[in-house]
Amino acid sequence: MNPISLICILAGVTLNACAQLLLKAGTNAVGHFEFSRANILPIGFRLATQWPIIGGLSCYVISVAVWVIGLSRVDVSIAYPMLSLGYIVNAFAAWYLFGEVLSVQKLVGIGIILLGVVILARS
């Protein structure tokens, strides 16, 4: 994989991870909610007007564009598994930003994912 291809793939993964984190921040701002007929419009409007959610959806749109460029340069059998790097980024970012727990079991799983990505990237 050449440097430009790697940059496209990693940019797509990073933007996708950022989108997830922004969506989480937006839902945290709204708080826990239950959808019902009575509140689907008010909750939907509150979600749709949260800046983190708007930013997250924007990151998704940009990530798709960058991802398509990356896919035009890299085999999907290599590119798609690279998306798992987003799990690693999100796990540590969620720990740092939202106080989510990183247990030993999660860290071992992250290590396995990272090892798999390294093996695939070298093939």
Protein backbone atom coordinates (compact mmCIF):
# COMPACT_ATOMS: atom_id res chain seq x y z
CA MET A 1 0.00 0.00 0.00
CA ASN A 2 1.51 3.32 -1.03
CA PRO A 3 1.49 6.37 1.30
CA ILE A 4 -1.39 8.18 -0.46
CA SER A 5 -3.57 5.05 -0.27
CA LEU A 6 -2.74 4.61 3.39
CA ILE A 7 -3.56 8.27 4.09
CA CYS A 8 -6.95 7.94 2.37
CA ILE A 9 -7.81 4.78 4.30
CA LEU A 10 -6.66 6.18 7.64
CA ALA A 11 -8.43 9.50 7.03
CA GLY A 12 -11.66 7.63 6.29
CA VAL A 13 -11.26 5.55 9.45
CA THR A 14 -10.47 8.63 11.55
CA LEU A 15 -13.42 10.60 10.21
CA ASN A 16 -15.71 7.64 10.86
CA ALA A 17 -14.40 7.38 14.44
CA CYS A 18 -14.88 11.12 14.95
CA ALA A 19 -18.43 10.80 13.67
CA GLN A 20 -19.19 8.13 16.29
CA LEU A 21 -17.73 10.23 19.09
CA LEU A 22 -19.63 13.34 18.02
CA LEU A 23 -22.89 11.38 17.79
CA LYS A 24 -22.28 10.07 21.31
CA ALA A 25 -21.58 13.59 22.58
CA GLY A 26 -24.81 14.78 20.96
CA THR A 27 -26.89 12.04 22.52
CA ASN A 28 -25.23 12.69 25.88
CA ALA A 29 -26.35 16.32 25.59
CA VAL A 30 -29.94 15.23 25.03
CA GLY A 31 -29.83 12.54 27.72
CA HIS A 32 -31.50 9.16 27.93
CA PHE A 33 -34.77 9.07 26.07
CA GLU A 34 -37.45 6.63 25.05
CA PHE A 35 -39.13 6.92 21.69
CA SER A 36 -42.89 6.93 21.79
CA ARG A 37 -45.57 8.43 19.61
CA ALA A 38 -45.79 11.36 21.97
CA ASN A 39 -42.12 12.28 21.95
CA ILE A 40 -40.69 11.10 18.64
CA LEU A 41 -40.93 14.55 17.02
CA PRO A 42 -39.66 16.58 19.99
CA ILE A 43 -36.76 14.17 20.64
CA GLY A 44 -36.01 13.91 16.92
CA PHE A 45 -35.87 17.70 16.69
CA ARG A 46 -33.62 17.98 19.75
CA LEU A 47 -31.26 15.38 18.29
CA ALA A 48 -31.27 16.97 14.83
CA THR A 49 -30.36 20.38 16.25
CA GLN A 50 -27.45 19.26 18.41
CA TRP A 51 -24.18 20.62 16.96
CA PRO A 52 -22.23 17.46 17.82
CA ILE A 53 -24.77 15.36 15.90
CA ILE A 54 -24.65 17.72 12.93
CA GLY A 55 -20.85 17.53 13.07
CA GLY A 56 -20.94 13.74 13.34
CA LEU A 57 -23.18 13.41 10.31
CA SER A 58 -20.90 15.78 8.41
CA CYS A 59 -17.91 13.63 9.33
CA TYR A 60 -19.78 10.61 7.96
CA VAL A 61 -20.40 12.32 4.64
CA ILE A 62 -16.76 13.35 4.29
CA SER A 63 -15.55 9.92 5.43
CA VAL A 64 -17.57 8.22 2.70
CA ALA A 65 -15.99 10.46 0.05
CA VAL A 66 -12.49 9.80 1.37
CA TRP A 67 -13.26 6.09 1.73
CA VAL A 68 -14.37 5.82 -1.90
CA ILE A 69 -11.10 7.42 -2.97
CA GLY A 70 -9.21 4.94 -0.79
CA LEU A 71 -11.17 1.98 -2.17
CA SER A 72 -10.23 3.02 -5.68
CA ARG A 73 -6.59 2.49 -4.72
CA VAL A 74 -6.67 -0.47 -2.30
CA ASP A 75 -8.20 -3.94 -2.45
CA VAL A 76 -11.33 -4.14 -0.34
CA SER A 77 -9.88 -7.22 1.39
CA ILE A 78 -7.19 -4.92 2.79
CA ALA A 79 -9.18 -1.69 3.21
CA TYR A 80 -12.25 -3.04 4.98
CA PRO A 81 -10.41 -4.67 7.87
CA MET A 82 -8.65 -1.33 8.42
CA LEU A 83 -12.01 -0.01 9.62
CA SER A 84 -11.35 -1.96 12.81
CA LEU A 85 -8.78 0.67 13.70
CA GLY A 86 -11.81 2.83 14.42
CA TYR A 87 -12.69 0.50 17.31
CA ILE A 88 -9.29 1.17 18.82
CA VAL A 89 -9.52 4.94 18.38
CA ASN A 90 -13.06 5.01 19.75
CA ALA A 91 -12.30 2.83 22.76
CA PHE A 92 -9.49 5.09 23.94
CA ALA A 93 -11.32 8.30 23.03
CA ALA A 94 -14.46 7.13 24.86
CA TRP A 95 -12.33 6.32 27.90
CA TYR A 96 -10.73 9.76 27.79
CA LEU A 97 -13.75 11.86 26.78
CA PHE A 98 -16.68 10.01 28.36
CA GLY A 99 -15.09 8.08 31.21
CA GLU A 100 -15.96 4.69 29.74
CA VAL A 101 -14.17 1.71 31.28
CA LEU A 102 -11.26 0.03 29.49
CA SER A 103 -11.12 -3.39 31.12
CA VAL A 104 -8.28 -5.86 30.65
CA GLN A 105 -10.56 -7.92 28.40
CA LYS A 106 -11.20 -4.90 26.17
CA LEU A 107 -7.49 -4.09 26.02
CA VAL A 108 -6.66 -7.66 25.01
CA GLY A 109 -9.31 -7.47 22.28
CA ILE A 110 -7.88 -4.17 21.07
CA GLY A 111 -4.43 -5.77 20.94
CA ILE A 112 -5.77 -8.64 18.84
CA ILE A 113 -7.46 -6.21 16.45
CA LEU A 114 -4.26 -4.19 16.13
CA LEU A 115 -2.22 -7.31 15.44
CA GLY A 116 -4.69 -8.38 12.75
CA VAL A 117 -4.59 -4.97 11.07
CA VAL A 118 -0.76 -4.99 11.06
CA ILE A 119 -0.71 -8.45 9.49
CA LEU A 120 -3.19 -7.43 6.80
CA ALA A 121 -1.42 -4.15 6.04
CA ARG A 122 1.84 -5.99 5.45
CA SER A 123 0.32 -8.48 3.00
